[in-house]
Amino acid sequence: MSESSDDRQQLLRMEAILTGLLRYGALVASGWLALGMTLSLFQGAFPLAQSLVAISDRCLAIGIVLLIALPVLRVALMTAVFLLERDYHFAAISGAVLVIITLGFLLGTLHSDIEYL
């Protein structure tokens, strides 16, 4: 009975970590996006508008990159959790998914200069 209880506690801990990653990651990304949008509202109001445009664009880019990176971080975290739990079957599956995502990203960035008709 205690083995089942320990497994349940581990599962709850893992779910709490994943929930926290997604919740707080989304909040941080939303904060960056909100900051970038707020700064872009004041572009014409200040004489240093050119530097304000650059800062707001960077804040927006950081927010978008964070939103895109959250699912990838979740897969990486799941791979690490499965390895720590010595569940090598699921670790191999999530590791393969992580490799596929990485290859897709690398191939997409390497061939981004190809013109499509």
PDB file of N, CA and C in Angstrom:
ATOM      1  N   MET A   1       0.819  -1.199   0.000  1.00  0.00           N
ATOM      2  CA  MET A   1       0.000   0.000   0.000  1.00  0.00           C
ATOM      3  C   MET A   1       0.859   1.259   0.000  1.00  0.00           C
ATOM      4  N   SER A   2       1.983   1.245   0.730  1.00  0.00           N
ATOM      5  CA  SER A   2       2.820   2.442   0.796  1.00  0.00           C
ATOM      6  C   SER A   2       3.522   2.698  -0.534  1.00  0.00           C
ATOM      7  N   GLU A   3       3.805   1.627  -1.295  1.00  0.00           N
ATOM      8  CA  GLU A   3       4.439   1.813  -2.602  1.00  0.00           C
ATOM      9  C   GLU A   3       3.505   2.554  -3.542  1.00  0.00           C
ATOM     10  N   SER A   4       2.238   2.227  -3.503  1.00  0.00           N
ATOM     11  CA  SER A   4       1.252   2.918  -4.320  1.00  0.00           C
ATOM     12  C   SER A   4       1.112   4.376  -3.888  1.00  0.00           C
ATOM     13  N   SER A   5       1.175   4.601  -2.594  1.00  0.00           N
ATOM     14  CA  SER A   5       1.091   5.964  -2.067  1.00  0.00           C
ATOM     15  C   SER A   5       2.310   6.785  -2.479  1.00  0.00           C
ATOM     16  N   ASP A   6       3.495   6.162  -2.468  1.00  0.00           N
ATOM     17  CA  ASP A   6       4.707   6.867  -2.894  1.00  0.00           C
ATOM     18  C   ASP A   6       4.650   7.204  -4.376  1.00  0.00           C
ATOM     19  N   ASP A   7       4.145   6.261  -5.190  1.00  0.00           N
ATOM     20  CA  ASP A   7       3.995   6.530  -6.612  1.00  0.00           C
ATOM     21  C   ASP A   7       3.031   7.675  -6.854  1.00  0.00           C
ATOM     22  N   ARG A   8       1.964   7.690  -6.081  1.00  0.00           N
ATOM     23  CA  ARG A   8       0.964   8.771  -6.215  1.00  0.00           C
ATOM     24  C   ARG A   8       1.567  10.116  -5.833  1.00  0.00           C
ATOM     25  N   GLN A   9       2.385  10.149  -4.791  1.00  0.00           N
ATOM     26  CA  GLN A   9       3.029  11.392  -4.366  1.00  0.00           C
ATOM     27  C   GLN A   9       4.017  11.880  -5.425  1.00  0.00           C
ATOM     28  N   GLN A  10       4.750  10.955  -6.039  1.00  0.00           N
ATOM     29  CA  GLN A  10       5.678  11.344  -7.108  1.00  0.00           C
ATOM     30  C   GLN A  10       4.933  11.908  -8.301  1.00  0.00           C
ATOM     31  N   LEU A  11       3.812  11.277  -8.644  1.00  0.00           N
ATOM     32  CA  LEU A  11       3.012  11.756  -9.763  1.00  0.00           C
ATOM     33  C   LEU A  11       2.459  13.151  -9.483  1.00  0.00           C
ATOM     34  N   LEU A  12       1.993  13.368  -8.267  1.00  0.00           N
ATOM     35  CA  LEU A  12       1.471  14.691  -7.898  1.00  0.00           C
ATOM     36  C   LEU A  12       2.566  15.748  -7.913  1.00  0.00           C
ATOM     37  N   ARG A  13       3.772  15.376  -7.467  1.00  0.00           N
ATOM     38  CA  ARG A  13       4.898  16.315  -7.499  1.00  0.00           C
ATOM     39  C   ARG A  13       5.267  16.677  -8.927  1.00  0.00           C
ATOM     40  N   MET A  14       5.306  15.662  -9.810  1.00  0.00           N
ATOM     41  CA  MET A  14       5.636  15.912 -11.204  1.00  0.00           C
ATOM     42  C   MET A  14       4.594  16.803 -11.862  1.00  0.00           C
ATOM     43  N   GLU A  15       3.327  16.546 -11.591  1.00  0.00           N
ATOM     44  CA  GLU A  15       2.268  17.385 -12.152  1.00  0.00           C
ATOM     45  C   GLU A  15       2.351  18.809 -11.626  1.00  0.00           C
ATOM     46  N   ALA A  16       2.719  18.972 -10.363  1.00  0.00           N
ATOM     47  CA  ALA A  16       2.858  20.317  -9.800  1.00  0.00           C
ATOM     48  C   ALA A  16       4.004  21.080 -10.462  1.00  0.00           C
ATOM     49  N   ILE A  17       5.095  20.388 -10.742  1.00  0.00           N
ATOM     50  CA  ILE A  17       6.229  21.039 -11.411  1.00  0.00           C
ATOM     51  C   ILE A  17       5.838  21.465 -12.820  1.00  0.00           C
ATOM     52  N   LEU A  18       5.170  20.574 -13.547  1.00  0.00           N
ATOM     53  CA  LEU A  18       4.755  20.901 -14.908  1.00  0.00           C
ATOM     54  C   LEU A  18       3.733  22.027 -14.927  1.00  0.00           C
ATOM     55  N   THR A  19       2.803  21.983 -13.995  1.00  0.00           N
ATOM     56  CA  THR A  19       1.794  23.045 -13.912  1.00  0.00           C
ATOM     57  C   THR A  19       2.449  24.383 -13.619  1.00  0.00           C
ATOM     58  N   GLY A  20       3.395  24.385 -12.698  1.00  0.00           N
ATOM     59  CA  GLY A  20       4.093  25.622 -12.367  1.00  0.00           C
ATOM     60  C   GLY A  20       4.875  26.163 -13.539  1.00  0.00           C
ATOM     61  N   LEU A  21       5.547  25.268 -14.274  1.00  0.00           N
ATOM     62  CA  LEU A  21       6.310  25.704 -15.451  1.00  0.00           C
ATOM     63  C   LEU A  21       5.402  26.373 -16.467  1.00  0.00           C
ATOM     64  N   LEU A  22       4.290  25.732 -16.768  1.00  0.00           N
ATOM     65  CA  LEU A  22       3.395  26.299 -17.782  1.00  0.00           C
ATOM     66  C   LEU A  22       2.701  27.560 -17.287  1.00  0.00           C
ATOM     67  N   ARG A  23       2.242  27.554 -16.031  1.00  0.00           N
ATOM     68  CA  ARG A  23       1.524  28.715 -15.497  1.00  0.00           C
ATOM     69  C   ARG A  23       2.427  29.932 -15.403  1.00  0.00           C
ATOM     70  N   TYR A  24       3.570  29.767 -14.715  1.00  0.00           N
ATOM     71  CA  TYR A  24       4.434  30.923 -14.511  1.00  0.00           C
ATOM     72  C   TYR A  24       5.172  31.317 -15.787  1.00  0.00           C
ATOM     73  N   GLY A  25       5.448  30.345 -16.646  1.00  0.00           N
ATOM     74  CA  GLY A  25       6.045  30.673 -17.932  1.00  0.00           C
ATOM     75  C   GLY A  25       5.113  31.508 -18.788  1.00  0.00           C
ATOM     76  N   ALA A  26       3.831  31.135 -18.785  1.00  0.00           N
ATOM     77  CA  ALA A  26       2.851  31.918 -19.546  1.00  0.00           C
ATOM     78  C   ALA A  26       2.669  33.303 -18.948  1.00  0.00           C
ATOM     79  N   LEU A  27       2.703  33.397 -17.619  1.00  0.00           N
ATOM     80  CA  LEU A  27       2.585  34.713 -16.982  1.00  0.00           C
ATOM     81  C   LEU A  27       3.780  35.604 -17.303  1.00  0.00           C
ATOM     82  N   VAL A  28       4.975  35.039 -17.275  1.00  0.00           N
ATOM     83  CA  VAL A  28       6.171  35.829 -17.589  1.00  0.00           C
ATOM     84  C   VAL A  28       6.140  36.271 -19.049  1.00  0.00           C
ATOM     85  N   ALA A  29       5.775  35.355 -19.947  1.00  0.00           N
ATOM     86  CA  ALA A  29       5.690  35.717 -21.366  1.00  0.00           C
ATOM     87  C   ALA A  29       4.631  36.788 -21.593  1.00  0.00           C
ATOM     88  N   SER A  30       3.493  36.658 -20.925  1.00  0.00           N
ATOM     89  CA  SER A  30       2.444  37.674 -21.054  1.00  0.00           C
ATOM     90  C   SER A  30       2.899  39.021 -20.509  1.00  0.00           C
ATOM     91  N   GLY A  31       3.678  38.989 -19.446  1.00  0.00           N
ATOM     92  CA  GLY A  31       4.216  40.236 -18.905  1.00  0.00           C
ATOM     93  C   GLY A  31       5.134  40.939 -19.890  1.00  0.00           C
ATOM     94  N   TRP A  32       6.005  40.166 -20.548  1.00  0.00           N
ATOM     95  CA  TRP A  32       6.888  40.755 -21.565  1.00  0.00           C
ATOM     96  C   TRP A  32       6.080  41.333 -22.722  1.00  0.00           C
ATOM     97  N   LEU A  33       5.053  40.590 -23.145  1.00  0.00           N
ATOM     98  CA  LEU A  33       4.219  41.088 -24.239  1.00  0.00           C
ATOM     99  C   LEU A  33       3.475  42.351 -23.831  1.00  0.00           C
ATOM    100  N   ALA A  34       2.952  42.376 -22.617  1.00  0.00           N
ATOM    101  CA  ALA A  34       2.240  43.564 -22.141  1.00  0.00           C
ATOM    102  C   ALA A  34       3.180  44.764 -22.040  1.00  0.00           C
ATOM    103  N   LEU A  35       4.398  44.531 -21.558  1.00  0.00           N
ATOM    104  CA  LEU A  35       5.373  45.618 -21.473  1.00  0.00           C
ATOM    105  C   LEU A  35       5.708  46.153 -22.864  1.00  0.00           C
ATOM    106  N   GLY A  36       5.916  45.244 -23.810  1.00  0.00           N
ATOM    107  CA  GLY A  36       6.219  45.681 -25.178  1.00  0.00           C
ATOM    108  C   GLY A  36       5.080  46.458 -25.798  1.00  0.00           C
ATOM    109  N   MET A  37       3.835  46.010 -25.583  1.00  0.00           N
ATOM    110  CA  MET A  37       2.691  46.733 -26.138  1.00  0.00           C
ATOM    111  C   MET A  37       2.498  48.084 -25.464  1.00  0.00           C
ATOM    112  N   THR A  38       2.738  48.128 -24.158  1.00  0.00           N
ATOM    113  CA  THR A  38       2.610  49.404 -23.442  1.00  0.00           C
ATOM    114  C   THR A  38       3.655  50.401 -23.922  1.00  0.00           C
ATOM    115  N   LEU A  39       4.886  49.946 -24.082  1.00  0.00           N
ATOM    116  CA  LEU A  39       5.931  50.847 -24.573  1.00  0.00           C
ATOM    117  C   LEU A  39       5.659  51.320 -25.992  1.00  0.00           C
ATOM    118  N   SER A  40       5.038  50.471 -26.799  1.00  0.00           N
ATOM    119  CA  SER A  40       4.755  50.890 -28.176  1.00  0.00           C
ATOM    120  C   SER A  40       3.650  51.943 -28.224  1.00  0.00           C
ATOM    121  N   LEU A  41       2.835  52.028 -27.184  1.00  0.00           N
ATOM    122  CA  LEU A  41       1.805  53.077 -27.139  1.00  0.00           C
ATOM    123  C   LEU A  41       2.402  54.469 -26.982  1.00  0.00           C
ATOM    124  N   PHE A  42       3.561  54.550 -26.320  1.00  0.00           N
ATOM    125  CA  PHE A  42       4.183  55.838 -26.031  1.00  0.00           C
ATOM    126  C   PHE A  42       5.251  56.236 -27.034  1.00  0.00           C
ATOM    127  N   GLN A  43       5.267  55.618 -28.198  1.00  0.00           N
ATOM    128  CA  GLN A  43       6.322  55.895 -29.178  1.00  0.00           C
ATOM    129  C   GLN A  43       6.315  57.335 -29.651  1.00  0.00           C
ATOM    130  N   GLY A  44       5.156  57.898 -29.939  1.00  0.00           N
ATOM    131  CA  GLY A  44       5.098  59.254 -30.457  1.00  0.00           C
ATOM    132  C   GLY A  44       5.125  60.326 -29.386  1.00  0.00           C
ATOM    133  N   ALA A  45       4.964  59.953 -28.134  1.00  0.00           N
ATOM    134  CA  ALA A  45       4.853  60.931 -27.062  1.00  0.00           C
ATOM    135  C   ALA A  45       6.200  61.420 -26.542  1.00  0.00           C
ATOM    136  N   PHE A  46       7.263  60.699 -26.797  1.00  0.00           N
ATOM    137  CA  PHE A  46       8.561  61.059 -26.232  1.00  0.00           C
ATOM    138  C   PHE A  46       9.561  61.347 -27.339  1.00  0.00           C
ATOM    139  N   PRO A  47      10.510  62.242 -27.080  1.00  0.00           N
ATOM    140  CA  PRO A  47      11.502  62.568 -28.103  1.00  0.00           C
ATOM    141  C   PRO A  47      12.459  61.398 -28.391  1.00  0.00           C
ATOM    142  N   LEU A  48      12.607  60.496 -27.472  1.00  0.00           N
ATOM    143  CA  LEU A  48      13.490  59.352 -27.681  1.00  0.00           C
ATOM    144  C   LEU A  48      12.708  58.166 -28.244  1.00  0.00           C
ATOM    145  N   ALA A  49      11.822  58.450 -29.170  1.00  0.00           N
ATOM    146  CA  ALA A  49      10.911  57.430 -29.690  1.00  0.00           C
ATOM    147  C   ALA A  49      11.651  56.308 -30.412  1.00  0.00           C
ATOM    148  N   GLN A  50      12.772  56.612 -31.043  1.00  0.00           N
ATOM    149  CA  GLN A  50      13.492  55.575 -31.776  1.00  0.00           C
ATOM    150  C   GLN A  50      14.010  54.494 -30.840  1.00  0.00           C
ATOM    151  N   SER A  51      14.575  54.887 -29.709  1.00  0.00           N
ATOM    152  CA  SER A  51      15.060  53.881 -28.759  1.00  0.00           C
ATOM    153  C   SER A  51      13.888  53.161 -28.092  1.00  0.00           C
ATOM    154  N   LEU A  52      12.764  53.849 -27.931  1.00  0.00           N
ATOM    155  CA  LEU A  52      11.582  53.222 -27.349  1.00  0.00           C
ATOM    156  C   LEU A  52      11.012  52.151 -28.274  1.00  0.00           C
ATOM    157  N   VAL A  53      11.080  52.392 -29.573  1.00  0.00           N
ATOM    158  CA  VAL A  53      10.630  51.396 -30.554  1.00  0.00           C
ATOM    159  C   VAL A  53      11.491  50.145 -30.448  1.00  0.00           C
ATOM    160  N   ALA A  54      12.793  50.330 -30.352  1.00  0.00           N
ATOM    161  CA  ALA A  54      13.700  49.183 -30.257  1.00  0.00           C
ATOM    162  C   ALA A  54      13.443  48.391 -28.979  1.00  0.00           C
ATOM    163  N   ILE A  55      13.213  49.079 -27.871  1.00  0.00           N
ATOM    164  CA  ILE A  55      12.960  48.393 -26.599  1.00  0.00           C
ATOM    165  C   ILE A  55      11.633  47.649 -26.648  1.00  0.00           C
ATOM    166  N   SER A  56      10.596  48.278 -27.191  1.00  0.00           N
ATOM    167  CA  SER A  56       9.293  47.618 -27.247  1.00  0.00           C
ATOM    168  C   SER A  56       9.333  46.409 -28.185  1.00  0.00           C
ATOM    169  N   ASP A  57      10.063  46.527 -29.292  1.00  0.00           N
ATOM    170  CA  ASP A  57      10.198  45.388 -30.207  1.00  0.00           C
ATOM    171  C   ASP A  57      10.926  44.226 -29.544  1.00  0.00           C
ATOM    172  N   ARG A  58      11.949  44.536 -28.754  1.00  0.00           N
ATOM    173  CA  ARG A  58      12.684  43.478 -28.052  1.00  0.00           C
ATOM    174  C   ARG A  58      11.813  42.812 -26.994  1.00  0.00           C
ATOM    175  N   CYS A  59      11.030  43.600 -26.279  1.00  0.00           N
ATOM    176  CA  CYS A  59      10.132  43.024 -25.273  1.00  0.00           C
ATOM    177  C   CYS A  59       9.101  42.108 -25.918  1.00  0.00           C
ATOM    178  N   LEU A  60       8.547  42.526 -27.035  1.00  0.00           N
ATOM    179  CA  LEU A  60       7.586  41.690 -27.750  1.00  0.00           C
ATOM    180  C   LEU A  60       8.249  40.411 -28.262  1.00  0.00           C
ATOM    181  N   ALA A  61       9.461  40.522 -28.761  1.00  0.00           N
ATOM    182  CA  ALA A  61      10.169  39.345 -29.266  1.00  0.00           C
ATOM    183  C   ALA A  61      10.470  38.359 -28.135  1.00  0.00           C
ATOM    184  N   ILE A  62      10.860  38.874 -26.972  1.00  0.00           N
ATOM    185  CA  ILE A  62      11.127  38.004 -25.822  1.00  0.00           C
ATOM    186  C   ILE A  62       9.858  37.265 -25.414  1.00  0.00           C
ATOM    187  N   GLY A  63       8.731  37.965 -25.372  1.00  0.00           N
ATOM    188  CA  GLY A  63       7.466  37.334 -25.007  1.00  0.00           C
ATOM    189  C   GLY A  63       7.058  36.242 -25.975  1.00  0.00           C
ATOM    190  N   ILE A  64       7.223  36.496 -27.259  1.00  0.00           N
ATOM    191  CA  ILE A  64       6.853  35.497 -28.266  1.00  0.00           C
ATOM    192  C   ILE A  64       7.781  34.286 -28.187  1.00  0.00           C
ATOM    193  N   VAL A  65       9.071  34.521 -28.009  1.00  0.00           N
ATOM    194  CA  VAL A  65      10.018  33.405 -27.898  1.00  0.00           C
ATOM    195  C   VAL A  65       9.703  32.565 -26.663  1.00  0.00           C
ATOM    196  N   LEU A  66       9.352  33.208 -25.562  1.00  0.00           N
ATOM    197  CA  LEU A  66       8.998  32.455 -24.356  1.00  0.00           C
ATOM    198  C   LEU A  66       7.752  31.610 -24.573  1.00  0.00           C
ATOM    199  N   LEU A  67       6.752  32.161 -25.245  1.00  0.00           N
ATOM    200  CA  LEU A  67       5.538  31.384 -25.514  1.00  0.00           C
ATOM    201  C   LEU A  67       5.830  30.184 -26.418  1.00  0.00           C
ATOM    202  N   ILE A  68       6.716  30.370 -27.372  1.00  0.00           N
ATOM    203  CA  ILE A  68       7.074  29.265 -28.252  1.00  0.00           C
ATOM    204  C   ILE A  68       7.921  28.230 -27.502  1.00  0.00           C
ATOM    205  N   ALA A  69       8.766  28.683 -26.593  1.00  0.00           N
ATOM    206  CA  ALA A  69       9.686  27.783 -25.892  1.00  0.00           C
ATOM    207  C   ALA A  69       9.011  26.968 -24.786  1.00  0.00           C
ATOM    208  N   LEU A  70       7.863  27.386 -24.293  1.00  0.00           N
ATOM    209  CA  LEU A  70       7.238  26.676 -23.175  1.00  0.00           C
ATOM    210  C   LEU A  70       6.935  25.208 -23.476  1.00  0.00           C
ATOM    211  N   PRO A  71       6.321  24.863 -24.592  1.00  0.00           N
ATOM    212  CA  PRO A  71       6.096  23.431 -24.842  1.00  0.00           C
ATOM    213  C   PRO A  71       7.400  22.637 -24.999  1.00  0.00           C
ATOM    214  N   VAL A  72       8.416  23.261 -25.559  1.00  0.00           N
ATOM    215  CA  VAL A  72       9.703  22.580 -25.703  1.00  0.00           C
ATOM    216  C   VAL A  72      10.318  22.345 -24.333  1.00  0.00           C
ATOM    217  N   LEU A  73      10.224  23.322 -23.446  1.00  0.00           N
ATOM    218  CA  LEU A  73      10.716  23.157 -22.084  1.00  0.00           C
ATOM    219  C   LEU A  73       9.954  22.063 -21.346  1.00  0.00           C
ATOM    220  N   ARG A  74       8.672  21.955 -21.633  1.00  0.00           N
ATOM    221  CA  ARG A  74       7.873  20.904 -20.998  1.00  0.00           C
ATOM    222  C   ARG A  74       8.358  19.532 -21.436  1.00  0.00           C
ATOM    223  N   VAL A  75       8.639  19.356 -22.716  1.00  0.00           N
ATOM    224  CA  VAL A  75       9.145  18.069 -23.202  1.00  0.00           C
ATOM    225  C   VAL A  75      10.517  17.780 -22.594  1.00  0.00           C
ATOM    226  N   ALA A  76      11.374  18.781 -22.503  1.00  0.00           N
ATOM    227  CA  ALA A  76      12.700  18.598 -21.906  1.00  0.00           C
ATOM    228  C   ALA A  76      12.581  18.228 -20.428  1.00  0.00           C
ATOM    229  N   LEU A  77      11.674  18.876 -19.719  1.00  0.00           N
ATOM    230  CA  LEU A  77      11.471  18.568 -18.311  1.00  0.00           C
ATOM    231  C   LEU A  77      10.932  17.155 -18.134  1.00  0.00           C
ATOM    232  N   MET A  78      10.019  16.753 -19.006  1.00  0.00           N
ATOM    233  CA  MET A  78       9.481  15.391 -18.924  1.00  0.00           C
ATOM    234  C   MET A  78      10.580  14.360 -19.193  1.00  0.00           C
ATOM    235  N   THR A  79      11.465  14.634 -20.125  1.00  0.00           N
ATOM    236  CA  THR A  79      12.578  13.728 -20.393  1.00  0.00           C
ATOM    237  C   THR A  79      13.446  13.574 -19.149  1.00  0.00           C
ATOM    238  N   ALA A  80      13.755  14.687 -18.497  1.00  0.00           N
ATOM    239  CA  ALA A  80      14.571  14.646 -17.280  1.00  0.00           C
ATOM    240  C   ALA A  80      13.855  13.894 -16.158  1.00  0.00           C
ATOM    241  N   VAL A  81      12.560  14.128 -16.010  1.00  0.00           N
ATOM    242  CA  VAL A  81      11.797  13.449 -14.954  1.00  0.00           C
ATOM    243  C   VAL A  81      11.778  11.940 -15.206  1.00  0.00           C
ATOM    244  N   PHE A  82      11.549  11.553 -16.448  1.00  0.00           N
ATOM    245  CA  PHE A  82      11.522  10.123 -16.754  1.00  0.00           C
ATOM    246  C   PHE A  82      12.892   9.478 -16.536  1.00  0.00           C
ATOM    247  N   LEU A  83      13.959  10.201 -16.847  1.00  0.00           N
ATOM    248  CA  LEU A  83      15.294   9.660 -16.593  1.00  0.00           C
ATOM    249  C   LEU A  83      15.555   9.523 -15.098  1.00  0.00           C
ATOM    250  N   LEU A  84      15.120  10.500 -14.308  1.00  0.00           N
ATOM    251  CA  LEU A  84      15.307  10.413 -12.860  1.00  0.00           C
ATOM    252  C   LEU A  84      14.490   9.287 -12.244  1.00  0.00           C
ATOM    253  N   GLU A  85      13.336   9.015 -12.827  1.00  0.00           N
ATOM    254  CA  GLU A  85      12.500   7.928 -12.330  1.00  0.00           C
ATOM    255  C   GLU A  85      12.923   6.573 -12.898  1.00  0.00           C
ATOM    256  N   ARG A  86      13.926   6.570 -13.754  1.00  0.00           N
ATOM    257  CA  ARG A  86      14.452   5.373 -14.410  1.00  0.00           C
ATOM    258  C   ARG A  86      13.381   4.674 -15.250  1.00  0.00           C
ATOM    259  N   ASP A  87      12.527   5.487 -15.837  1.00  0.00           N
ATOM    260  CA  ASP A  87      11.525   4.983 -16.776  1.00  0.00           C
ATOM    261  C   ASP A  87      12.072   5.245 -18.174  1.00  0.00           C
ATOM    262  N   TYR A  88      12.958   4.374 -18.615  1.00  0.00           N
ATOM    263  CA  TYR A  88      13.735   4.614 -19.824  1.00  0.00           C
ATOM    264  C   TYR A  88      12.895   4.533 -21.092  1.00  0.00           C
ATOM    265  N   HIS A  89      11.821   3.800 -21.056  1.00  0.00           N
ATOM    266  CA  HIS A  89      10.955   3.702 -22.235  1.00  0.00           C
ATOM    267  C   HIS A  89      10.343   5.069 -22.559  1.00  0.00           C
ATOM    268  N   PHE A  90       9.719   5.687 -21.556  1.00  0.00           N
ATOM    269  CA  PHE A  90       9.115   7.009 -21.774  1.00  0.00           C
ATOM    270  C   PHE A  90      10.179   8.090 -21.943  1.00  0.00           C
ATOM    271  N   ALA A  91      11.330   7.915 -21.312  1.00  0.00           N
ATOM    272  CA  ALA A  91      12.421   8.878 -21.499  1.00  0.00           C
ATOM    273  C   ALA A  91      12.907   8.858 -22.948  1.00  0.00           C
ATOM    274  N   ALA A  92      12.963   7.658 -23.531  1.00  0.00           N
ATOM    275  CA  ALA A  92      13.384   7.551 -24.931  1.00  0.00           C
ATOM    276  C   ALA A  92      12.354   8.190 -25.858  1.00  0.00           C
ATOM    277  N   ILE A  93      11.077   7.989 -25.561  1.00  0.00           N
ATOM    278  CA  ILE A  93      10.032   8.588 -26.395  1.00  0.00           C
ATOM    279  C   ILE A  93      10.065  10.109 -26.304  1.00  0.00           C
ATOM    280  N   SER A  94      10.129  10.637 -25.094  1.00  0.00           N
ATOM    281  CA  SER A  94      10.149  12.099 -24.961  1.00  0.00           C
ATOM    282  C   SER A  94      11.465  12.674 -25.470  1.00  0.00           C
ATOM    283  N   GLY A  95      12.556  11.931 -25.336  1.00  0.00           N
ATOM    284  CA  GLY A  95      13.819  12.376 -25.910  1.00  0.00           C
ATOM    285  C   GLY A  95      13.766  12.423 -27.429  1.00  0.00           C
ATOM    286  N   ALA A  96      13.091  11.436 -28.027  1.00  0.00           N
ATOM    287  CA  ALA A  96      12.927  11.437 -29.486  1.00  0.00           C
ATOM    288  C   ALA A  96      12.085  12.626 -29.935  1.00  0.00           C
ATOM    289  N   VAL A  97      11.049  12.931 -29.182  1.00  0.00           N
ATOM    290  CA  VAL A  97      10.226  14.108 -29.504  1.00  0.00           C
ATOM    291  C   VAL A  97      11.067  15.373 -29.413  1.00  0.00           C
ATOM    292  N   LEU A  98      11.909  15.459 -28.393  1.00  0.00           N
ATOM    293  CA  LEU A  98      12.780  16.629 -28.235  1.00  0.00           C
ATOM    294  C   LEU A  98      13.773  16.742 -29.392  1.00  0.00           C
ATOM    295  N   VAL A  99      14.304  15.620 -29.848  1.00  0.00           N
ATOM    296  CA  VAL A  99      15.226  15.633 -30.998  1.00  0.00           C
ATOM    297  C   VAL A  99      14.492  16.073 -32.260  1.00  0.00           C
ATOM    298  N   ILE A 100      13.268  15.588 -32.454  1.00  0.00           N
ATOM    299  CA  ILE A 100      12.483  15.982 -33.631  1.00  0.00           C
ATOM    300  C   ILE A 100      12.191  17.479 -33.608  1.00  0.00           C
ATOM    301  N   ILE A 101      11.817  18.009 -32.452  1.00  0.00           N
ATOM    302  CA  ILE A 101      11.559  19.445 -32.336  1.00  0.00           C
ATOM    303  C   ILE A 101      12.829  20.239 -32.640  1.00  0.00           C
ATOM    304  N   THR A 102      13.959  19.790 -32.099  1.00  0.00           N
ATOM    305  CA  THR A 102      15.227  20.483 -32.318  1.00  0.00           C
ATOM    306  C   THR A 102      15.633  20.443 -33.783  1.00  0.00           C
ATOM    307  N   LEU A 103      15.497  19.270 -34.411  1.00  0.00           N
ATOM    308  CA  LEU A 103      15.834  19.178 -35.837  1.00  0.00           C
ATOM    309  C   LEU A 103      14.918  20.055 -36.686  1.00  0.00           C
ATOM    310  N   GLY A 104      13.639  20.083 -36.347  1.00  0.00           N
ATOM    311  CA  GLY A 104      12.717  20.945 -37.081  1.00  0.00           C
ATOM    312  C   GLY A 104      13.086  22.407 -36.955  1.00  0.00           C
ATOM    313  N   PHE A 105      13.474  22.810 -35.749  1.00  0.00           N
ATOM    314  CA  PHE A 105      13.888  24.199 -35.536  1.00  0.00           C
ATOM    315  C   PHE A 105      15.160  24.510 -36.321  1.00  0.00           C
ATOM    316  N   LEU A 106      16.144  23.618 -36.238  1.00  0.00           N
ATOM    317  CA  LEU A 106      17.410  23.860 -36.935  1.00  0.00           C
ATOM    318  C   LEU A 106      17.238  23.868 -38.448  1.00  0.00           C
ATOM    319  N   LEU A 107      16.479  22.923 -38.966  1.00  0.00           N
ATOM    320  CA  LEU A 107      16.251  22.899 -40.414  1.00  0.00           C
ATOM    321  C   LEU A 107      15.446  24.109 -40.863  1.00  0.00           C
ATOM    322  N   GLY A 108      14.524  24.547 -40.030  1.00  0.00           N
ATOM    323  CA  GLY A 108      13.739  25.735 -40.379  1.00  0.00           C
ATOM    324  C   GLY A 108      14.567  26.997 -40.383  1.00  0.00           C
ATOM    325  N   THR A 109      15.506  27.114 -39.456  1.00  0.00           N
ATOM    326  CA  THR A 109      16.335  28.320 -39.417  1.00  0.00           C
ATOM    327  C   THR A 109      17.439  28.279 -40.466  1.00  0.00           C
ATOM    328  N   LEU A 110      17.935  27.090 -40.784  1.00  0.00           N
ATOM    329  CA  LEU A 110      18.990  26.994 -41.795  1.00  0.00           C
ATOM    330  C   LEU A 110      18.459  27.260 -43.191  1.00  0.00           C
ATOM    331  N   HIS A 111      17.228  26.886 -43.435  1.00  0.00           N
ATOM    332  CA  HIS A 111      16.650  27.048 -44.762  1.00  0.00           C
ATOM    333  C   HIS A 111      15.619  28.175 -44.816  1.00  0.00           C
ATOM    334  N   SER A 112      15.751  29.125 -43.926  1.00  0.00           N
ATOM    335  CA  SER A 112      14.786  30.243 -43.909  1.00  0.00           C
ATOM    336  C   SER A 112      15.039  31.229 -45.035  1.00  0.00           C
ATOM    337  N   ASP A 113      16.207  31.179 -45.640  1.00  0.00           N
ATOM    338  CA  ASP A 113      16.509  32.134 -46.711  1.00  0.00           C
ATOM    339  C   ASP A 113      16.039  31.648 -48.071  1.00  0.00           C
ATOM    340  N   ILE A 114      15.410  30.490 -48.152  1.00  0.00           N
ATOM    341  CA  ILE A 114      14.882  29.982 -49.417  1.00  0.00           C
ATOM    342  C   ILE A 114      13.604  30.756 -49.768  1.00  0.00           C
ATOM    343  N   GLU A 115      13.535  31.214 -50.986  1.00  0.00           N
ATOM    344  CA  GLU A 115      12.335  31.946 -51.423  1.00  0.00           C
ATOM    345  C   GLU A 115      11.301  30.964 -51.909  1.00  0.00           C
ATOM    346  N   TYR A 116      10.087  31.139 -51.423  1.00  0.00           N
ATOM    347  CA  TYR A 116       8.986  30.303 -51.850  1.00  0.00           C
ATOM    348  C   TYR A 116       8.113  31.087 -52.822  1.00  0.00           C
ATOM    349  N   LEU A 117       7.652  30.428 -53.835  1.00  0.00           N
ATOM    350  CA  LEU A 117       6.806  31.084 -54.830  1.00  0.00           C
ATOM    351  C   LEU A 117       5.387  31.060 -54.426  1.00  0.00           C
TER     352      LEU A 117
END
